[in-house]
Amino acid sequence: MISKVARAVSNPTRVAILQILRDRGEICVCDIADELEISQPSASKHLASLRDVDLVRFRRDGLRLMYEALEPESSSLLEVLEKVARRGDWIGEEAMVE
């Protein structure tokens, strides 16, 4: 299961979707697509990948699909990814110092 989660968040668009859901709460797939400037089918495909590993869930609101991040899993995962990314930036800078 860890490899499936890692694969799901290895895509920058999916990480951006998780960040949007964390920051904005429940949101329509159409608004996610607009914010990221991607097609709605593309957004839906990315959301399905996140849903498959239980990081997001959806509900129907008429014809619209409303998505939200599952907590605390998604926020905890984003926090770890952000820490690792910061550490990676620091390591990269140190490696360049001679």
PDB file of N, CA and C in Angstrom:
ATOM      1  N   MET A   1       0.825  -1.200   0.000  1.00  0.00           N
ATOM      2  CA  MET A   1       0.000   0.000   0.000  1.00  0.00           C
ATOM      3  C   MET A   1       0.869   1.264   0.000  1.00  0.00           C
ATOM      4  N   ILE A   2       2.010   1.218   0.673  1.00  0.00           N
ATOM      5  CA  ILE A   2       2.886   2.394   0.711  1.00  0.00           C
ATOM      6  C   ILE A   2       3.330   2.770  -0.695  1.00  0.00           C
ATOM      7  N   SER A   3       3.649   1.783  -1.509  1.00  0.00           N
ATOM      8  CA  SER A   3       4.090   2.098  -2.869  1.00  0.00           C
ATOM      9  C   SER A   3       2.961   2.711  -3.686  1.00  0.00           C
ATOM     10  N   LYS A   4       1.722   2.302  -3.435  1.00  0.00           N
ATOM     11  CA  LYS A   4       0.583   2.901  -4.151  1.00  0.00           C
ATOM     12  C   LYS A   4       0.395   4.365  -3.750  1.00  0.00           C
ATOM     13  N   VAL A   5       0.560   4.656  -2.469  1.00  0.00           N
ATOM     14  CA  VAL A   5       0.456   6.041  -2.003  1.00  0.00           C
ATOM     15  C   VAL A   5       1.600   6.866  -2.581  1.00  0.00           C
ATOM     16  N   ALA A   6       2.808   6.309  -2.551  1.00  0.00           N
ATOM     17  CA  ALA A   6       3.963   7.020  -3.103  1.00  0.00           C
ATOM     18  C   ALA A   6       3.762   7.308  -4.585  1.00  0.00           C
ATOM     19  N   ARG A   7       3.233   6.364  -5.300  1.00  0.00           N
ATOM     20  CA  ARG A   7       2.974   6.558  -6.725  1.00  0.00           C
ATOM     21  C   ARG A   7       1.900   7.634  -6.923  1.00  0.00           C
ATOM     22  N   ALA A   8       0.888   7.639  -6.071  1.00  0.00           N
ATOM     23  CA  ALA A   8      -0.189   8.629  -6.197  1.00  0.00           C
ATOM     24  C   ALA A   8       0.318  10.047  -5.977  1.00  0.00           C
ATOM     25  N   VAL A   9       1.239  10.235  -5.053  1.00  0.00           N
ATOM     26  CA  VAL A   9       1.729  11.589  -4.766  1.00  0.00           C
ATOM     27  C   VAL A   9       3.039  11.907  -5.486  1.00  0.00           C
ATOM     28  N   SER A  10       3.458  11.024  -6.388  1.00  0.00           N
ATOM     29  CA  SER A  10       4.671  11.308  -7.148  1.00  0.00           C
ATOM     30  C   SER A  10       4.400  12.286  -8.288  1.00  0.00           C
ATOM     31  N   ASN A  11       3.142  12.561  -8.546  1.00  0.00           N
ATOM     32  CA  ASN A  11       2.763  13.474  -9.620  1.00  0.00           C
ATOM     33  C   ASN A  11       2.518  14.873  -9.043  1.00  0.00           C
ATOM     34  N   PRO A  12       3.197  15.894  -9.548  1.00  0.00           N
ATOM     35  CA  PRO A  12       3.049  17.251  -9.000  1.00  0.00           C
ATOM     36  C   PRO A  12       1.615  17.788  -9.064  1.00  0.00           C
ATOM     37  N   THR A  13       0.859  17.378 -10.069  1.00  0.00           N
ATOM     38  CA  THR A  13      -0.535  17.832 -10.162  1.00  0.00           C
ATOM     39  C   THR A  13      -1.354  17.266  -9.016  1.00  0.00           C
ATOM     40  N   ARG A  14      -1.104  16.025  -8.655  1.00  0.00           N
ATOM     41  CA  ARG A  14      -1.853  15.420  -7.547  1.00  0.00           C
ATOM     42  C   ARG A  14      -1.488  16.066  -6.221  1.00  0.00           C
ATOM     43  N   VAL A  15      -0.229  16.406  -6.051  1.00  0.00           N
ATOM     44  CA  VAL A  15       0.171  17.118  -4.830  1.00  0.00           C
ATOM     45  C   VAL A  15      -0.499  18.484  -4.791  1.00  0.00           C
ATOM     46  N   ALA A  16      -0.551  19.159  -5.927  1.00  0.00           N
ATOM     47  CA  ALA A  16      -1.222  20.464  -5.990  1.00  0.00           C
ATOM     48  C   ALA A  16      -2.704  20.331  -5.665  1.00  0.00           C
ATOM     49  N   ILE A  17      -3.332  19.263  -6.125  1.00  0.00           N
ATOM     50  CA  ILE A  17      -4.746  19.029  -5.800  1.00  0.00           C
ATOM     51  C   ILE A  17      -4.922  18.842  -4.301  1.00  0.00           C
ATOM     52  N   LEU A  18      -4.050  18.053  -3.681  1.00  0.00           N
ATOM     53  CA  LEU A  18      -4.136  17.873  -2.224  1.00  0.00           C
ATOM     54  C   LEU A  18      -3.962  19.195  -1.490  1.00  0.00           C
ATOM     55  N   GLN A  19      -3.055  20.029  -1.969  1.00  0.00           N
ATOM     56  CA  GLN A  19      -2.849  21.332  -1.339  1.00  0.00           C
ATOM     57  C   GLN A  19      -4.095  22.216  -1.483  1.00  0.00           C
ATOM     58  N   ILE A  20      -4.711  22.196  -2.643  1.00  0.00           N
ATOM     59  CA  ILE A  20      -5.938  22.969  -2.857  1.00  0.00           C
ATOM     60  C   ILE A  20      -7.028  22.486  -1.913  1.00  0.00           C
ATOM     61  N   LEU A  21      -7.192  21.179  -1.825  1.00  0.00           N
ATOM     62  CA  LEU A  21      -8.233  20.628  -0.952  1.00  0.00           C
ATOM     63  C   LEU A  21      -7.946  20.934   0.514  1.00  0.00           C
ATOM     64  N   ARG A  22      -6.688  20.893   0.899  1.00  0.00           N
ATOM     65  CA  ARG A  22      -6.333  21.231   2.281  1.00  0.00           C
ATOM     66  C   ARG A  22      -6.650  22.692   2.574  1.00  0.00           C
ATOM     67  N   ASP A  23      -6.308  23.566   1.630  1.00  0.00           N
ATOM     68  CA  ASP A  23      -6.465  25.001   1.851  1.00  0.00           C
ATOM     69  C   ASP A  23      -7.905  25.489   1.688  1.00  0.00           C
ATOM     70  N   ARG A  24      -8.660  24.864   0.791  1.00  0.00           N
ATOM     71  CA  ARG A  24      -9.996  25.371   0.466  1.00  0.00           C
ATOM     72  C   ARG A  24     -11.127  24.497   0.971  1.00  0.00           C
ATOM     73  N   GLY A  25     -10.823  23.301   1.419  1.00  0.00           N
ATOM     74  CA  GLY A  25     -11.894  22.411   1.866  1.00  0.00           C
ATOM     75  C   GLY A  25     -12.588  21.769   0.681  1.00  0.00           C
ATOM     76  N   GLU A  26     -13.841  21.461   0.849  1.00  0.00           N
ATOM     77  CA  GLU A  26     -14.603  20.798  -0.206  1.00  0.00           C
ATOM     78  C   GLU A  26     -14.730  21.710  -1.428  1.00  0.00           C
ATOM     79  N   ILE A  27     -14.488  21.133  -2.605  1.00  0.00           N
ATOM     80  CA  ILE A  27     -14.489  21.920  -3.833  1.00  0.00           C
ATOM     81  C   ILE A  27     -14.902  21.024  -5.000  1.00  0.00           C
ATOM     82  N   CYS A  28     -15.534  21.624  -5.969  1.00  0.00           N
ATOM     83  CA  CYS A  28     -15.979  20.918  -7.169  1.00  0.00           C
ATOM     84  C   CYS A  28     -14.788  20.592  -8.062  1.00  0.00           C
ATOM     85  N   VAL A  29     -14.848  19.443  -8.716  1.00  0.00           N
ATOM     86  CA  VAL A  29     -13.781  19.054  -9.635  1.00  0.00           C
ATOM     87  C   VAL A  29     -13.593  20.110 -10.718  1.00  0.00           C
ATOM     88  N   CYS A  30     -14.670  20.766 -11.124  1.00  0.00           N
ATOM     89  CA  CYS A  30     -14.553  21.802 -12.157  1.00  0.00           C
ATOM     90  C   CYS A  30     -13.716  22.986 -11.663  1.00  0.00           C
ATOM     91  N   ASP A  31     -13.832  23.335 -10.387  1.00  0.00           N
ATOM     92  CA  ASP A  31     -13.030  24.428  -9.831  1.00  0.00           C
ATOM     93  C   ASP A  31     -11.558  24.042  -9.690  1.00  0.00           C
ATOM     94  N   ILE A  32     -11.312  22.781  -9.367  1.00  0.00           N
ATOM     95  CA  ILE A  32      -9.933  22.289  -9.299  1.00  0.00           C
ATOM     96  C   ILE A  32      -9.296  22.386 -10.688  1.00  0.00           C
ATOM     97  N   ALA A  33     -10.018  21.941 -11.699  1.00  0.00           N
ATOM     98  CA  ALA A  33      -9.520  21.991 -13.075  1.00  0.00           C
ATOM     99  C   ALA A  33      -9.222  23.429 -13.484  1.00  0.00           C
ATOM    100  N   ASP A  34     -10.135  24.338 -13.149  1.00  0.00           N
ATOM    101  CA  ASP A  34      -9.921  25.748 -13.493  1.00  0.00           C
ATOM    102  C   ASP A  34      -8.694  26.313 -12.797  1.00  0.00           C
ATOM    103  N   GLU A  35      -8.562  26.027 -11.510  1.00  0.00           N
ATOM    104  CA  GLU A  35      -7.442  26.570 -10.744  1.00  0.00           C
ATOM    105  C   GLU A  35      -6.100  26.070 -11.252  1.00  0.00           C
ATOM    106  N   LEU A  36      -6.049  24.818 -11.654  1.00  0.00           N
ATOM    107  CA  LEU A  36      -4.794  24.231 -12.131  1.00  0.00           C
ATOM    108  C   LEU A  36      -4.605  24.380 -13.642  1.00  0.00           C
ATOM    109  N   GLU A  37      -5.614  24.934 -14.297  1.00  0.00           N
ATOM    110  CA  GLU A  37      -5.581  25.112 -15.749  1.00  0.00           C
ATOM    111  C   GLU A  37      -5.338  23.798 -16.474  1.00  0.00           C
ATOM    112  N   ILE A  38      -6.118  22.781 -16.064  1.00  0.00           N
ATOM    113  CA  ILE A  38      -6.100  21.478 -16.726  1.00  0.00           C
ATOM    114  C   ILE A  38      -7.532  21.141 -17.104  1.00  0.00           C
ATOM    115  N   SER A  39      -7.701  20.144 -17.946  1.00  0.00           N
ATOM    116  CA  SER A  39      -9.056  19.756 -18.338  1.00  0.00           C
ATOM    117  C   SER A  39      -9.761  19.065 -17.174  1.00  0.00           C
ATOM    118  N   GLN A  40     -11.080  19.096 -17.212  1.00  0.00           N
ATOM    119  CA  GLN A  40     -11.845  18.431 -16.161  1.00  0.00           C
ATOM    120  C   GLN A  40     -11.613  16.913 -16.182  1.00  0.00           C
ATOM    121  N   PRO A  41     -11.551  16.273 -17.358  1.00  0.00           N
ATOM    122  CA  PRO A  41     -11.237  14.831 -17.348  1.00  0.00           C
ATOM    123  C   PRO A  41      -9.868  14.526 -16.734  1.00  0.00           C
ATOM    124  N   SER A  42      -8.898  15.387 -16.975  1.00  0.00           N
ATOM    125  CA  SER A  42      -7.577  15.190 -16.383  1.00  0.00           C
ATOM    126  C   SER A  42      -7.647  15.331 -14.867  1.00  0.00           C
ATOM    127  N   ALA A  43      -8.350  16.355 -14.387  1.00  0.00           N
ATOM    128  CA  ALA A  43      -8.516  16.536 -12.943  1.00  0.00           C
ATOM    129  C   ALA A  43      -9.218  15.326 -12.331  1.00  0.00           C
ATOM    130  N   SER A  44     -10.241  14.833 -13.008  1.00  0.00           N
ATOM    131  CA  SER A  44     -10.977  13.667 -12.500  1.00  0.00           C
ATOM    132  C   SER A  44     -10.083  12.437 -12.412  1.00  0.00           C
ATOM    133  N   LYS A  45      -9.220  12.265 -13.397  1.00  0.00           N
ATOM    134  CA  LYS A  45      -8.304  11.120 -13.385  1.00  0.00           C
ATOM    135  C   LYS A  45      -7.321  11.221 -12.218  1.00  0.00           C
ATOM    136  N   HIS A  46      -6.780  12.412 -11.983  1.00  0.00           N
ATOM    137  CA  HIS A  46      -5.871  12.603 -10.854  1.00  0.00           C
ATOM    138  C   HIS A  46      -6.596  12.373  -9.529  1.00  0.00           C
ATOM    139  N   LEU A  47      -7.814  12.878  -9.431  1.00  0.00           N
ATOM    140  CA  LEU A  47      -8.592  12.692  -8.206  1.00  0.00           C
ATOM    141  C   LEU A  47      -8.901  11.214  -7.972  1.00  0.00           C
ATOM    142  N   ALA A  48      -9.150  10.465  -9.034  1.00  0.00           N
ATOM    143  CA  ALA A  48      -9.405   9.029  -8.894  1.00  0.00           C
ATOM    144  C   ALA A  48      -8.181   8.321  -8.316  1.00  0.00           C
ATOM    145  N   SER A  49      -6.991   8.736  -8.744  1.00  0.00           N
ATOM    146  CA  SER A  49      -5.766   8.147  -8.193  1.00  0.00           C
ATOM    147  C   SER A  49      -5.641   8.432  -6.705  1.00  0.00           C
ATOM    148  N   LEU A  50      -5.988   9.640  -6.302  1.00  0.00           N
ATOM    149  CA  LEU A  50      -5.937  10.009  -4.884  1.00  0.00           C
ATOM    150  C   LEU A  50      -7.037   9.299  -4.097  1.00  0.00           C
ATOM    151  N   ARG A  51      -8.177   9.127  -4.719  1.00  0.00           N
ATOM    152  CA  ARG A  51      -9.286   8.425  -4.069  1.00  0.00           C
ATOM    153  C   ARG A  51      -8.947   6.953  -3.863  1.00  0.00           C
ATOM    154  N   ASP A  52      -8.234   6.361  -4.819  1.00  0.00           N
ATOM    155  CA  ASP A  52      -7.870   4.943  -4.731  1.00  0.00           C
ATOM    156  C   ASP A  52      -6.987   4.633  -3.528  1.00  0.00           C
ATOM    157  N   VAL A  53      -6.262   5.626  -3.031  1.00  0.00           N
ATOM    158  CA  VAL A  53      -5.398   5.412  -1.865  1.00  0.00           C
ATOM    159  C   VAL A  53      -5.957   6.126  -0.626  1.00  0.00           C
ATOM    160  N   ASP A  54      -7.240   6.440  -0.667  1.00  0.00           N
ATOM    161  CA  ASP A  54      -7.962   7.001   0.480  1.00  0.00           C
ATOM    162  C   ASP A  54      -7.406   8.333   0.982  1.00  0.00           C
ATOM    163  N   LEU A  55      -6.970   9.201   0.052  1.00  0.00           N
ATOM    164  CA  LEU A  55      -6.538  10.544   0.445  1.00  0.00           C
ATOM    165  C   LEU A  55      -7.633  11.579   0.220  1.00  0.00           C
ATOM    166  N   VAL A  56      -8.591  11.261  -0.649  1.00  0.00           N
ATOM    167  CA  VAL A  56      -9.720  12.159  -0.901  1.00  0.00           C
ATOM    168  C   VAL A  56     -11.005  11.342  -0.987  1.00  0.00           C
ATOM    169  N   ARG A  57     -12.113  12.034  -0.836  1.00  0.00           N
ATOM    170  CA  ARG A  57     -13.428  11.413  -1.048  1.00  0.00           C
ATOM    171  C   ARG A  57     -14.291  12.420  -1.779  1.00  0.00           C
ATOM    172  N   PHE A  58     -15.389  11.922  -2.324  1.00  0.00           N
ATOM    173  CA  PHE A  58     -16.284  12.813  -3.047  1.00  0.00           C
ATOM    174  C   PHE A  58     -17.726  12.524  -2.684  1.00  0.00           C
ATOM    175  N   ARG A  59     -18.566  13.493  -3.001  1.00  0.00           N
ATOM    176  CA  ARG A  59     -20.011  13.318  -2.893  1.00  0.00           C
ATOM    177  C   ARG A  59     -20.633  14.029  -4.083  1.00  0.00           C
ATOM    178  N   ARG A  60     -21.791  13.560  -4.464  1.00  0.00           N
ATOM    179  CA  ARG A  60     -22.522  14.193  -5.561  1.00  0.00           C
ATOM    180  C   ARG A  60     -23.378  15.332  -5.025  1.00  0.00           C
ATOM    181  N   ASP A  61     -23.364  16.423  -5.760  1.00  0.00           N
ATOM    182  CA  ASP A  61     -24.232  17.568  -5.474  1.00  0.00           C
ATOM    183  C   ASP A  61     -24.926  17.904  -6.790  1.00  0.00           C
ATOM    184  N   GLY A  62     -26.034  17.228  -7.046  1.00  0.00           N
ATOM    185  CA  GLY A  62     -26.683  17.348  -8.342  1.00  0.00           C
ATOM    186  C   GLY A  62     -25.796  16.703  -9.393  1.00  0.00           C
ATOM    187  N   LEU A  63     -25.390  17.470 -10.383  1.00  0.00           N
ATOM    188  CA  LEU A  63     -24.506  16.958 -11.432  1.00  0.00           C
ATOM    189  C   LEU A  63     -23.035  17.140 -11.100  1.00  0.00           C
ATOM    190  N   ARG A  64     -22.751  17.857 -10.050  1.00  0.00           N
ATOM    191  CA  ARG A  64     -21.354  18.169  -9.694  1.00  0.00           C
ATOM    192  C   ARG A  64     -20.803  17.143  -8.715  1.00  0.00           C
ATOM    193  N   LEU A  65     -19.499  16.885  -8.844  1.00  0.00           N
ATOM    194  CA  LEU A  65     -18.799  16.050  -7.872  1.00  0.00           C
ATOM    195  C   LEU A  65     -17.977  16.971  -6.982  1.00  0.00           C
ATOM    196  N   MET A  66     -18.230  16.888  -5.695  1.00  0.00           N
ATOM    197  CA  MET A  66     -17.536  17.709  -4.715  1.00  0.00           C
ATOM    198  C   MET A  66     -16.500  16.832  -4.012  1.00  0.00           C
ATOM    199  N   TYR A  67     -15.256  17.292  -4.011  1.00  0.00           N
ATOM    200  CA  TYR A  67     -14.155  16.536  -3.406  1.00  0.00           C
ATOM    201  C   TYR A  67     -13.656  17.225  -2.150  1.00  0.00           C
ATOM    202  N   GLU A  68     -13.173  16.403  -1.223  1.00  0.00           N
ATOM    203  CA  GLU A  68     -12.499  16.918  -0.038  1.00  0.00           C
ATOM    204  C   GLU A  68     -11.387  15.964   0.350  1.00  0.00           C
ATOM    205  N   ALA A  69     -10.382  16.506   0.999  1.00  0.00           N
ATOM    206  CA  ALA A  69      -9.265  15.691   1.470  1.00  0.00           C
ATOM    207  C   ALA A  69      -9.688  14.940   2.721  1.00  0.00           C
ATOM    208  N   LEU A  70      -9.246  13.716   2.848  1.00  0.00           N
ATOM    209  CA  LEU A  70      -9.495  12.959   4.072  1.00  0.00           C
ATOM    210  C   LEU A  70      -8.459  13.373   5.107  1.00  0.00           C
ATOM    211  N   GLU A  71      -8.931  13.698   6.261  1.00  0.00           N
ATOM    212  CA  GLU A  71      -8.061  14.162   7.347  1.00  0.00           C
ATOM    213  C   GLU A  71      -7.992  13.108   8.433  1.00  0.00           C
ATOM    214  N   PRO A  72      -6.880  12.976   9.117  1.00  0.00           N
ATOM    215  CA  PRO A  72      -5.671  13.796   9.042  1.00  0.00           C
ATOM    216  C   PRO A  72      -4.665  13.283   8.021  1.00  0.00           C
ATOM    217  N   GLU A  73      -5.016  12.202   7.315  1.00  0.00           N
ATOM    218  CA  GLU A  73      -4.050  11.545   6.435  1.00  0.00           C
ATOM    219  C   GLU A  73      -3.442  12.485   5.394  1.00  0.00           C
ATOM    220  N   SER A  74      -4.286  13.215   4.686  1.00  0.00           N
ATOM    221  CA  SER A  74      -3.760  14.047   3.602  1.00  0.00           C
ATOM    222  C   SER A  74      -2.894  15.186   4.126  1.00  0.00           C
ATOM    223  N   SER A  75      -3.315  15.832   5.203  1.00  0.00           N
ATOM    224  CA  SER A  75      -2.504  16.916   5.765  1.00  0.00           C
ATOM    225  C   SER A  75      -1.190  16.394   6.322  1.00  0.00           C
ATOM    226  N   SER A  76      -1.230  15.253   6.980  1.00  0.00           N
ATOM    227  CA  SER A  76      -0.006  14.655   7.519  1.00  0.00           C
ATOM    228  C   SER A  76       0.956  14.299   6.398  1.00  0.00           C
ATOM    229  N   LEU A  77       0.438  13.727   5.333  1.00  0.00           N
ATOM    230  CA  LEU A  77       1.276  13.367   4.197  1.00  0.00           C
ATOM    231  C   LEU A  77       1.874  14.607   3.549  1.00  0.00           C
ATOM    232  N   LEU A  78       1.071  15.656   3.354  1.00  0.00           N
ATOM    233  CA  LEU A  78       1.589  16.897   2.778  1.00  0.00           C
ATOM    234  C   LEU A  78       2.665  17.505   3.666  1.00  0.00           C
ATOM    235  N   GLU A  79       2.465  17.439   4.972  1.00  0.00           N
ATOM    236  CA  GLU A  79       3.458  17.982   5.902  1.00  0.00           C
ATOM    237  C   GLU A  79       4.790  17.251   5.758  1.00  0.00           C
ATOM    238  N   VAL A  80       4.740  15.930   5.672  1.00  0.00           N
ATOM    239  CA  VAL A  80       5.963  15.143   5.502  1.00  0.00           C
ATOM    240  C   VAL A  80       6.623  15.476   4.166  1.00  0.00           C
ATOM    241  N   LEU A  81       5.842  15.540   3.100  1.00  0.00           N
ATOM    242  CA  LEU A  81       6.407  15.866   1.785  1.00  0.00           C
ATOM    243  C   LEU A  81       7.055  17.246   1.780  1.00  0.00           C
ATOM    244  N   GLU A  82       6.406  18.214   2.433  1.00  0.00           N
ATOM    245  CA  GLU A  82       6.972  19.569   2.491  1.00  0.00           C
ATOM    246  C   GLU A  82       8.274  19.587   3.286  1.00  0.00           C
ATOM    247  N   LYS A  83       8.349  18.823   4.386  1.00  0.00           N
ATOM    248  CA  LYS A  83       9.582  18.754   5.171  1.00  0.00           C
ATOM    249  C   LYS A  83      10.703  18.115   4.369  1.00  0.00           C
ATOM    250  N   VAL A  84      10.395  17.044   3.689  1.00  0.00           N
ATOM    251  CA  VAL A  84      11.407  16.368   2.878  1.00  0.00           C
ATOM    252  C   VAL A  84      11.876  17.284   1.753  1.00  0.00           C
ATOM    253  N   ALA A  85      10.947  17.983   1.125  1.00  0.00           N
ATOM    254  CA  ALA A  85      11.320  18.898   0.036  1.00  0.00           C
ATOM    255  C   ALA A  85      12.228  20.007   0.558  1.00  0.00           C
ATOM    256  N   ARG A  86      11.914  20.561   1.725  1.00  0.00           N
ATOM    257  CA  ARG A  86      12.780  21.598   2.311  1.00  0.00           C
ATOM    258  C   ARG A  86      14.148  21.035   2.636  1.00  0.00           C
ATOM    259  N   ARG A  87      14.197  19.856   3.186  1.00  0.00           N
ATOM    260  CA  ARG A  87      15.470  19.227   3.518  1.00  0.00           C
ATOM    261  C   ARG A  87      16.259  18.962   2.243  1.00  0.00           C
ATOM    262  N   GLY A  88      15.590  18.524   1.200  1.00  0.00           N
ATOM    263  CA  GLY A  88      16.249  18.278  -0.079  1.00  0.00           C
ATOM    264  C   GLY A  88      16.833  19.547  -0.655  1.00  0.00           C
ATOM    265  N   ASP A  89      16.115  20.675  -0.530  1.00  0.00           N
ATOM    266  CA  ASP A  89      16.642  21.949  -1.005  1.00  0.00           C
ATOM    267  C   ASP A  89      17.901  22.305  -0.234  1.00  0.00           C
ATOM    268  N   TRP A  90      17.878  22.106   1.075  1.00  0.00           N
ATOM    269  CA  TRP A  90      19.019  22.425   1.911  1.00  0.00           C
ATOM    270  C   TRP A  90      20.207  21.548   1.556  1.00  0.00           C
ATOM    271  N   ILE A  91      19.970  20.249   1.394  1.00  0.00           N
ATOM    272  CA  ILE A  91      21.054  19.322   1.042  1.00  0.00           C
ATOM    273  C   ILE A  91      21.652  19.698  -0.292  1.00  0.00           C
ATOM    274  N   GLY A  92      20.801  20.050  -1.253  1.00  0.00           N
ATOM    275  CA  GLY A  92      21.289  20.438  -2.571  1.00  0.00           C
ATOM    276  C   GLY A  92      22.158  21.682  -2.500  1.00  0.00           C
ATOM    277  N   GLU A  93      21.798  22.640  -1.680  1.00  0.00           N
ATOM    278  CA  GLU A  93      22.613  23.849  -1.535  1.00  0.00           C
ATOM    279  C   GLU A  93      23.945  23.521  -0.876  1.00  0.00           C
ATOM    280  N   GLU A  94      23.929  22.691   0.142  1.00  0.00           N
ATOM    281  CA  GLU A  94      25.158  22.324   0.833  1.00  0.00           C
ATOM    282  C   GLU A  94      26.091  21.573  -0.079  1.00  0.00           C
ATOM    283  N   ALA A  95      25.531  20.716  -0.913  1.00  0.00           N
ATOM    284  CA  ALA A  95      26.371  19.914  -1.813  1.00  0.00           C
ATOM    285  C   ALA A  95      27.090  20.793  -2.813  1.00  0.00           C
ATOM    286  N   MET A  96      26.545  21.965  -3.098  1.00  0.00           N
ATOM    287  CA  MET A  96      27.167  22.849  -4.085  1.00  0.00           C
ATOM    288  C   MET A  96      28.269  23.704  -3.469  1.00  0.00           C
ATOM    289  N   VAL A  97      28.339  23.761  -2.146  1.00  0.00           N
ATOM    290  CA  VAL A  97      29.374  24.558  -1.487  1.00  0.00           C
ATOM    291  C   VAL A  97      30.683  23.795  -1.567  1.00  0.00           C
ATOM    292  N   GLU A  98      31.733  24.489  -1.968  1.00  0.00           N
ATOM    293  CA  GLU A  98      33.033  23.801  -2.086  1.00  0.00           C
ATOM    294  C   GLU A  98      33.983  24.240  -1.007  1.00  0.00           C
TER     295      GLU A  98
END
